[in-house]
Amino acid sequence: MKLAVLVDAENTPAKSFDFIAAQVQPLRDVGIFRLFGDFASPSLAAWRQVAARHGLEPILQGSGGRGKNSTDIAMVIHAMDILHSGLFDAICLVSTDRDFVGLARRLRAGGLQVFGIGRAGVENGLESVADRYFHLPSVMPSPTRSPVAPELPAFLGHIASVHGVNGWILLAEAANALKQASPGLAERYLGKGRFLKTLRAADLISERKSARGLEIRPRLVVVASKSVG
């Protein structure tokens, strides 16, 4: 079974993405990672960049003059669709909003394990009803990253979910897959150690050495799922 991650982008800073990914990745395979908010707003420009970089799914929720309530409603609808799909056994709600306490209770009553992520020191009630709750750090760095084509992180996530073991794949296998799938990207990023240097500079991967060789894993691997919501 899989984990669905729903992020209230309107009250969660985009620079918290790395922390969020680091918490949810070990819990289960991530089948859905959705961002909710008015993405026409300049205030969510940073989240738009994060979504493009990591292949996340922004839910384009215009405020329509109704304020943040429309985003909350959209998150509730998607969460209930996930519950009734039967494809997931856990959900993570990323928000510092009291409005999701009732939703968390309903999801748990329906059989889902509920995780929460939000700001520390804010009484939002979600911490008391979630099976496990993670506090966002009070200070999060804004790392400087080298720009890459948005297709590259999306490709890495796909190849790791399809061919990797728990998201880990040999660097050489990823490079060969890139050659076959996208000669244009391969020409741009492969050769003379450029591939690994690019992935490191863009902070797209974790690394480990194994008996097979150097293995890499994208910061977040979203495993392909049937359409929900």
C-alpha atoms as a PDB file:
ATOM      1  CA  MET A   1       0.000   0.000   0.000  1.00  0.00           C
ATOM      2  CA  LYS A   2       1.019   3.604  -0.447  1.00  0.00           C
ATOM      3  CA  LEU A   3       1.098   7.010   1.193  1.00  0.00           C
ATOM      4  CA  ALA A   4      -0.628  10.116  -0.167  1.00  0.00           C
ATOM      5  CA  VAL A   5       0.818  13.524   0.713  1.00  0.00           C
ATOM      6  CA  LEU A   6      -1.412  16.619   0.581  1.00  0.00           C
ATOM      7  CA  VAL A   7       0.271  19.985   1.164  1.00  0.00           C
ATOM      8  CA  ASP A   8      -1.517  23.204   2.052  1.00  0.00           C
ATOM      9  CA  ALA A   9       0.871  25.385   0.059  1.00  0.00           C
ATOM     10  CA  GLU A  10      -0.749  28.602   1.250  1.00  0.00           C
ATOM     11  CA  ASN A  11       0.497  28.219   4.827  1.00  0.00           C
ATOM     12  CA  THR A  12       3.552  26.015   4.270  1.00  0.00           C
ATOM     13  CA  PRO A  13       6.792  27.599   2.998  1.00  0.00           C
ATOM     14  CA  ALA A  14       8.217  26.148  -0.209  1.00  0.00           C
ATOM     15  CA  LYS A  15      11.677  25.905   1.343  1.00  0.00           C
ATOM     16  CA  SER A  16      10.289  23.229   3.668  1.00  0.00           C
ATOM     17  CA  PHE A  17       9.971  20.757   0.777  1.00  0.00           C
ATOM     18  CA  ASP A  18      13.276  18.997   1.481  1.00  0.00           C
ATOM     19  CA  PHE A  19      12.271  18.473   5.121  1.00  0.00           C
ATOM     20  CA  ILE A  20       8.823  17.174   4.126  1.00  0.00           C
ATOM     21  CA  ALA A  21      10.309  14.765   1.581  1.00  0.00           C
ATOM     22  CA  ALA A  22      12.836  13.493   4.130  1.00  0.00           C
ATOM     23  CA  GLN A  23      10.043  12.689   6.626  1.00  0.00           C
ATOM     24  CA  VAL A  24       7.582  10.994   4.273  1.00  0.00           C
ATOM     25  CA  GLN A  25       9.985   9.011   2.084  1.00  0.00           C
ATOM     26  CA  PRO A  26      10.856   6.407   4.780  1.00  0.00           C
ATOM     27  CA  LEU A  27       7.224   5.896   5.833  1.00  0.00           C
ATOM     28  CA  ARG A  28       5.926   4.172   2.685  1.00  0.00           C
ATOM     29  CA  ASP A  29       6.051   4.397  -1.075  1.00  0.00           C
ATOM     30  CA  VAL A  30       4.613   7.810  -1.971  1.00  0.00           C
ATOM     31  CA  GLY A  31       1.862   7.411  -4.566  1.00  0.00           C
ATOM     32  CA  ILE A  32       0.502  10.975  -4.563  1.00  0.00           C
ATOM     33  CA  PHE A  33       2.173  14.275  -3.700  1.00  0.00           C
ATOM     34  CA  ARG A  34      -0.233  17.170  -4.292  1.00  0.00           C
ATOM     35  CA  LEU A  35       0.068  20.875  -3.571  1.00  0.00           C
ATOM     36  CA  PHE A  36      -3.042  22.984  -2.925  1.00  0.00           C
ATOM     37  CA  GLY A  37      -3.366  26.734  -3.293  1.00  0.00           C
ATOM     38  CA  ASP A  38      -4.034  29.658  -5.595  1.00  0.00           C
ATOM     39  CA  PHE A  39      -1.085  29.105  -7.913  1.00  0.00           C
ATOM     40  CA  ALA A  40      -1.928  32.215  -9.911  1.00  0.00           C
ATOM     41  CA  SER A  41      -0.794  34.188  -6.870  1.00  0.00           C
ATOM     42  CA  PRO A  42       2.788  35.539  -6.854  1.00  0.00           C
ATOM     43  CA  SER A  43       3.108  34.329  -3.255  1.00  0.00           C
ATOM     44  CA  LEU A  44       3.181  30.717  -4.489  1.00  0.00           C
ATOM     45  CA  ALA A  45       5.835  31.277  -7.159  1.00  0.00           C
ATOM     46  CA  ALA A  46       8.402  29.348  -5.098  1.00  0.00           C
ATOM     47  CA  TRP A  47       6.061  26.370  -4.820  1.00  0.00           C
ATOM     48  CA  ARG A  48       5.536  26.436  -8.595  1.00  0.00           C
ATOM     49  CA  GLN A  49       9.292  26.094  -9.017  1.00  0.00           C
ATOM     50  CA  VAL A  50       9.432  23.215  -6.520  1.00  0.00           C
ATOM     51  CA  ALA A  51       6.580  21.445  -8.324  1.00  0.00           C
ATOM     52  CA  ALA A  52       8.338  21.748 -11.679  1.00  0.00           C
ATOM     53  CA  ARG A  53      11.675  20.610 -10.265  1.00  0.00           C
ATOM     54  CA  HIS A  54      10.361  17.497  -8.533  1.00  0.00           C
ATOM     55  CA  GLY A  55       7.403  16.548 -10.721  1.00  0.00           C
ATOM     56  CA  LEU A  56       4.797  17.318  -8.066  1.00  0.00           C
ATOM     57  CA  GLU A  57       1.103  17.803  -8.769  1.00  0.00           C
ATOM     58  CA  PRO A  58      -0.184  21.341  -8.142  1.00  0.00           C
ATOM     59  CA  ILE A  59      -3.943  21.613  -7.752  1.00  0.00           C
ATOM     60  CA  LEU A  60      -4.779  24.956  -9.343  1.00  0.00           C
ATOM     61  CA  GLN A  61      -7.267  26.253  -6.843  1.00  0.00           C
ATOM     62  CA  GLY A  62      -8.243  29.862  -7.560  1.00  0.00           C
ATOM     63  CA  SER A  63      -9.511  31.794  -4.559  1.00  0.00           C
ATOM     64  CA  GLY A  64     -12.396  33.321  -6.493  1.00  0.00           C
ATOM     65  CA  GLY A  65     -12.674  35.964  -3.809  1.00  0.00           C
ATOM     66  CA  ARG A  66     -13.504  33.368  -1.168  1.00  0.00           C
ATOM     67  CA  GLY A  67     -10.092  33.362   0.500  1.00  0.00           C
ATOM     68  CA  LYS A  68      -8.298  30.330   1.812  1.00  0.00           C
ATOM     69  CA  ASN A  69     -11.471  28.322   2.490  1.00  0.00           C
ATOM     70  CA  SER A  70     -11.607  27.098  -1.116  1.00  0.00           C
ATOM     71  CA  THR A  71      -8.153  25.523  -0.736  1.00  0.00           C
ATOM     72  CA  ASP A  72      -9.246  23.753   2.466  1.00  0.00           C
ATOM     73  CA  ILE A  73     -12.344  22.388   0.738  1.00  0.00           C
ATOM     74  CA  ALA A  74     -10.272  21.106  -2.187  1.00  0.00           C
ATOM     75  CA  MET A  75      -7.918  19.287   0.182  1.00  0.00           C
ATOM     76  CA  VAL A  76     -10.837  17.666   2.003  1.00  0.00           C
ATOM     77  CA  ILE A  77     -12.409  16.487  -1.270  1.00  0.00           C
ATOM     78  CA  HIS A  78      -9.145  14.975  -2.497  1.00  0.00           C
ATOM     79  CA  ALA A  79      -8.508  13.324   0.875  1.00  0.00           C
ATOM     80  CA  MET A  80     -11.931  11.671   0.842  1.00  0.00           C
ATOM     81  CA  ASP A  81     -11.387  10.494  -2.749  1.00  0.00           C
ATOM     82  CA  ILE A  82      -8.119   8.916  -1.594  1.00  0.00           C
ATOM     83  CA  LEU A  83      -9.847   7.244   1.368  1.00  0.00           C
ATOM     84  CA  HIS A  84     -12.571   5.722  -0.806  1.00  0.00           C
ATOM     85  CA  SER A  85     -10.177   4.636  -3.577  1.00  0.00           C
ATOM     86  CA  GLY A  86      -8.863   1.771  -1.446  1.00  0.00           C
ATOM     87  CA  LEU A  87      -5.407   2.267  -2.990  1.00  0.00           C
ATOM     88  CA  PHE A  88      -3.770   3.888   0.034  1.00  0.00           C
ATOM     89  CA  ASP A  89      -3.354   2.918   3.660  1.00  0.00           C
ATOM     90  CA  ALA A  90      -1.884   6.208   4.894  1.00  0.00           C
ATOM     91  CA  ILE A  91      -2.111   9.931   4.270  1.00  0.00           C
ATOM     92  CA  CYS A  92       0.035  12.870   5.349  1.00  0.00           C
ATOM     93  CA  LEU A  93      -1.579  16.282   5.813  1.00  0.00           C
ATOM     94  CA  VAL A  94       0.909  19.140   5.663  1.00  0.00           C
ATOM     95  CA  SER A  95      -0.720  22.199   7.177  1.00  0.00           C
ATOM     96  CA  THR A  96      -0.881  24.389  10.252  1.00  0.00           C
ATOM     97  CA  ASP A  97      -4.626  24.771  10.147  1.00  0.00           C
ATOM     98  CA  ARG A  98      -7.252  23.779  12.719  1.00  0.00           C
ATOM     99  CA  ASP A  99      -9.757  23.074   9.958  1.00  0.00           C
ATOM    100  CA  PHE A 100      -8.231  19.653   9.222  1.00  0.00           C
ATOM    101  CA  VAL A 101      -8.758  18.101  12.674  1.00  0.00           C
ATOM    102  CA  GLY A 102     -12.180  16.735  11.747  1.00  0.00           C
ATOM    103  CA  LEU A 103     -10.822  15.435   8.449  1.00  0.00           C
ATOM    104  CA  ALA A 104      -7.998  13.608  10.222  1.00  0.00           C
ATOM    105  CA  ARG A 105     -10.475  11.941  12.585  1.00  0.00           C
ATOM    106  CA  ARG A 106     -12.661  10.854   9.654  1.00  0.00           C
ATOM    107  CA  LEU A 107      -9.687   9.431   7.749  1.00  0.00           C
ATOM    108  CA  ARG A 108      -8.561   7.437  10.785  1.00  0.00           C
ATOM    109  CA  ALA A 109     -12.095   6.155  11.331  1.00  0.00           C
ATOM    110  CA  GLY A 110     -12.038   5.023   7.705  1.00  0.00           C
ATOM    111  CA  GLY A 111      -8.924   2.939   8.300  1.00  0.00           C
ATOM    112  CA  LEU A 112      -6.133   5.224   7.109  1.00  0.00           C
ATOM    113  CA  GLN A 113      -3.051   5.943   9.168  1.00  0.00           C
ATOM    114  CA  VAL A 114      -2.727   9.726   9.409  1.00  0.00           C
ATOM    115  CA  PHE A 115       0.535  11.639   9.587  1.00  0.00           C
ATOM    116  CA  GLY A 116       0.804  15.387  10.047  1.00  0.00           C
ATOM    117  CA  ILE A 117       3.464  18.005   9.382  1.00  0.00           C
ATOM    118  CA  GLY A 118       3.213  21.605  10.557  1.00  0.00           C
ATOM    119  CA  ARG A 119       4.886  24.471  12.357  1.00  0.00           C
ATOM    120  CA  ALA A 120       5.986  23.935  15.942  1.00  0.00           C
ATOM    121  CA  GLY A 121       4.436  26.099  18.638  1.00  0.00           C
ATOM    122  CA  VAL A 122       1.121  26.470  16.815  1.00  0.00           C
ATOM    123  CA  GLU A 123      -1.936  24.877  18.415  1.00  0.00           C
ATOM    124  CA  ASN A 124      -3.678  23.490  15.355  1.00  0.00           C
ATOM    125  CA  GLY A 125      -5.119  20.339  16.934  1.00  0.00           C
ATOM    126  CA  LEU A 126      -3.846  18.070  14.179  1.00  0.00           C
ATOM    127  CA  GLU A 127      -0.925  16.941  16.326  1.00  0.00           C
ATOM    128  CA  SER A 128      -3.307  15.482  18.925  1.00  0.00           C
ATOM    129  CA  VAL A 129      -5.239  13.321  16.440  1.00  0.00           C
ATOM    130  CA  ALA A 130      -2.502  12.244  14.007  1.00  0.00           C
ATOM    131  CA  ASP A 131      -0.797   8.885  14.438  1.00  0.00           C
ATOM    132  CA  ARG A 132       2.516  10.697  14.096  1.00  0.00           C
ATOM    133  CA  TYR A 133       3.318  14.384  13.753  1.00  0.00           C
ATOM    134  CA  PHE A 134       6.471  16.131  12.515  1.00  0.00           C
ATOM    135  CA  HIS A 135       7.348  19.730  13.394  1.00  0.00           C
ATOM    136  CA  LEU A 136       8.749  21.926  10.656  1.00  0.00           C
ATOM    137  CA  PRO A 137      12.089  23.441  11.717  1.00  0.00           C
ATOM    138  CA  SER A 138      11.749  27.051  12.825  1.00  0.00           C
ATOM    139  CA  VAL A 139      14.626  28.017  10.539  1.00  0.00           C
ATOM    140  CA  MET A 140      15.059  26.332   7.180  1.00  0.00           C
ATOM    141  CA  PRO A 141      17.914  27.088   4.801  1.00  0.00           C
ATOM    142  CA  SER A 142      17.285  28.230   1.263  1.00  0.00           C
ATOM    143  CA  PRO A 143      19.955  26.236  -0.577  1.00  0.00           C
ATOM    144  CA  THR A 144      21.487  27.597  -3.754  1.00  0.00           C
ATOM    145  CA  ARG A 145      20.951  25.057  -6.515  1.00  0.00           C
ATOM    146  CA  SER A 146      22.166  24.926 -10.057  1.00  0.00           C
ATOM    147  CA  PRO A 147      19.268  25.103 -12.528  1.00  0.00           C
ATOM    148  CA  VAL A 148      18.436  22.003 -14.544  1.00  0.00           C
ATOM    149  CA  ALA A 149      15.873  21.194 -17.202  1.00  0.00           C
ATOM    150  CA  PRO A 150      12.575  20.366 -15.439  1.00  0.00           C
ATOM    151  CA  GLU A 151      12.430  17.094 -17.382  1.00  0.00           C
ATOM    152  CA  LEU A 152      15.516  15.773 -15.572  1.00  0.00           C
ATOM    153  CA  PRO A 153      14.117  15.432 -12.002  1.00  0.00           C
ATOM    154  CA  ALA A 154      10.840  14.093 -13.404  1.00  0.00           C
ATOM    155  CA  PHE A 155      12.788  11.483 -15.374  1.00  0.00           C
ATOM    156  CA  LEU A 156      14.835  10.503 -12.313  1.00  0.00           C
ATOM    157  CA  GLY A 157      11.701  10.020 -10.231  1.00  0.00           C
ATOM    158  CA  HIS A 158      10.118   7.875 -12.941  1.00  0.00           C
ATOM    159  CA  ILE A 159      13.135   5.651 -13.538  1.00  0.00           C
ATOM    160  CA  ALA A 160      13.704   5.174  -9.799  1.00  0.00           C
ATOM    161  CA  SER A 161      10.075   4.207  -9.171  1.00  0.00           C
ATOM    162  CA  VAL A 162       9.985   1.744 -12.082  1.00  0.00           C
ATOM    163  CA  HIS A 163      13.455   0.191 -11.987  1.00  0.00           C
ATOM    164  CA  GLY A 164      14.875   1.080  -8.580  1.00  0.00           C
ATOM    165  CA  VAL A 165      14.840  -0.896  -5.332  1.00  0.00           C
ATOM    166  CA  ASN A 166      13.168   1.253  -2.680  1.00  0.00           C
ATOM    167  CA  GLY A 167      13.967   4.182  -4.958  1.00  0.00           C
ATOM    168  CA  TRP A 168      17.697   3.364  -5.252  1.00  0.00           C
ATOM    169  CA  ILE A 169      19.200   2.809  -8.693  1.00  0.00           C
ATOM    170  CA  LEU A 170      22.743   2.497  -9.971  1.00  0.00           C
ATOM    171  CA  LEU A 171      24.086   5.761 -11.366  1.00  0.00           C
ATOM    172  CA  ALA A 172      25.219   3.904 -14.489  1.00  0.00           C
ATOM    173  CA  GLU A 173      21.740   2.420 -14.997  1.00  0.00           C
ATOM    174  CA  ALA A 174      20.144   5.851 -14.659  1.00  0.00           C
ATOM    175  CA  ALA A 175      22.604   7.278 -17.191  1.00  0.00           C
ATOM    176  CA  ASN A 176      21.909   4.475 -19.672  1.00  0.00           C
ATOM    177  CA  ALA A 177      18.164   4.929 -19.242  1.00  0.00           C
ATOM    178  CA  LEU A 178      18.556   8.650 -19.923  1.00  0.00           C
ATOM    179  CA  LYS A 179      20.446   7.901 -23.151  1.00  0.00           C
ATOM    180  CA  GLN A 180      17.626   5.681 -24.365  1.00  0.00           C
ATOM    181  CA  ALA A 181      14.723   7.832 -23.227  1.00  0.00           C
ATOM    182  CA  SER A 182      15.981  11.323 -24.057  1.00  0.00           C
ATOM    183  CA  PRO A 183      19.024  11.705 -26.321  1.00  0.00           C
ATOM    184  CA  GLY A 184      18.709  15.487 -26.055  1.00  0.00           C
ATOM    185  CA  LEU A 185      19.003  15.499 -22.273  1.00  0.00           C
ATOM    186  CA  ALA A 186      21.727  12.862 -22.455  1.00  0.00           C
ATOM    187  CA  GLU A 187      23.805  15.022 -24.765  1.00  0.00           C
ATOM    188  CA  ARG A 188      23.419  17.928 -22.355  1.00  0.00           C
ATOM    189  CA  TYR A 189      24.186  16.148 -19.083  1.00  0.00           C
ATOM    190  CA  LEU A 190      26.215  12.987 -19.760  1.00  0.00           C
ATOM    191  CA  GLY A 191      29.931  12.537 -20.311  1.00  0.00           C
ATOM    192  CA  LYS A 192      33.124  13.167 -18.301  1.00  0.00           C
ATOM    193  CA  GLY A 193      31.367  12.904 -14.954  1.00  0.00           C
ATOM    194  CA  ARG A 194      28.883  15.682 -15.768  1.00  0.00           C
ATOM    195  CA  PHE A 195      25.823  13.627 -14.830  1.00  0.00           C
ATOM    196  CA  LEU A 196      26.764  13.101 -11.186  1.00  0.00           C
ATOM    197  CA  LYS A 197      28.124  16.640 -10.870  1.00  0.00           C
ATOM    198  CA  THR A 198      24.840  18.027 -12.220  1.00  0.00           C
ATOM    199  CA  LEU A 199      22.717  15.937  -9.851  1.00  0.00           C
ATOM    200  CA  ARG A 200      24.842  16.995  -6.887  1.00  0.00           C
ATOM    201  CA  ALA A 201      24.871  20.682  -7.822  1.00  0.00           C
ATOM    202  CA  ALA A 202      21.089  20.693  -8.219  1.00  0.00           C
ATOM    203  CA  ASP A 203      20.690  18.774  -4.926  1.00  0.00           C
ATOM    204  CA  LEU A 204      18.395  16.270  -6.622  1.00  0.00           C
ATOM    205  CA  ILE A 205      19.711  13.046  -5.076  1.00  0.00           C
ATOM    206  CA  SER A 206      20.982  11.090  -2.123  1.00  0.00           C
ATOM    207  CA  GLU A 207      23.970   8.786  -2.696  1.00  0.00           C
ATOM    208  CA  ARG A 208      25.304   5.534  -1.296  1.00  0.00           C
ATOM    209  CA  LYS A 209      27.973   3.011  -2.248  1.00  0.00           C
ATOM    210  CA  SER A 210      27.031  -0.656  -2.526  1.00  0.00           C
ATOM    211  CA  ALA A 211      28.638  -3.846  -3.787  1.00  0.00           C
ATOM    212  CA  ARG A 212      27.078  -3.062  -7.159  1.00  0.00           C
ATOM    213  CA  GLY A 213      28.553   0.424  -7.381  1.00  0.00           C
ATOM    214  CA  LEU A 214      27.396   3.989  -6.743  1.00  0.00           C
ATOM    215  CA  GLU A 215      23.643   4.178  -6.240  1.00  0.00           C
ATOM    216  CA  ILE A 216      21.488   7.296  -6.295  1.00  0.00           C
ATOM    217  CA  ARG A 217      17.989   8.073  -5.114  1.00  0.00           C
ATOM    218  CA  PRO A 218      15.902  11.147  -5.958  1.00  0.00           C
ATOM    219  CA  ARG A 219      14.965  13.341  -3.002  1.00  0.00           C
ATOM    220  CA  LEU A 220      11.393  12.196  -3.523  1.00  0.00           C
ATOM    221  CA  VAL A 221      10.189   9.143  -5.427  1.00  0.00           C
ATOM    222  CA  VAL A 222       6.495   9.212  -6.330  1.00  0.00           C
ATOM    223  CA  VAL A 223       5.435   5.715  -7.340  1.00  0.00           C
ATOM    224  CA  ALA A 224       2.968   5.584 -10.221  1.00  0.00           C
ATOM    225  CA  SER A 225      -0.615   5.059  -9.033  1.00  0.00           C
ATOM    226  CA  LYS A 226      -4.025   4.729 -10.586  1.00  0.00           C
ATOM    227  CA  SER A 227      -5.741   8.066 -10.997  1.00  0.00           C
ATOM    228  CA  VAL A 228      -7.465   9.250  -7.821  1.00  0.00           C
ATOM    229  CA  GLY A 229      -9.432  12.478  -7.590  1.00  0.00           C
END
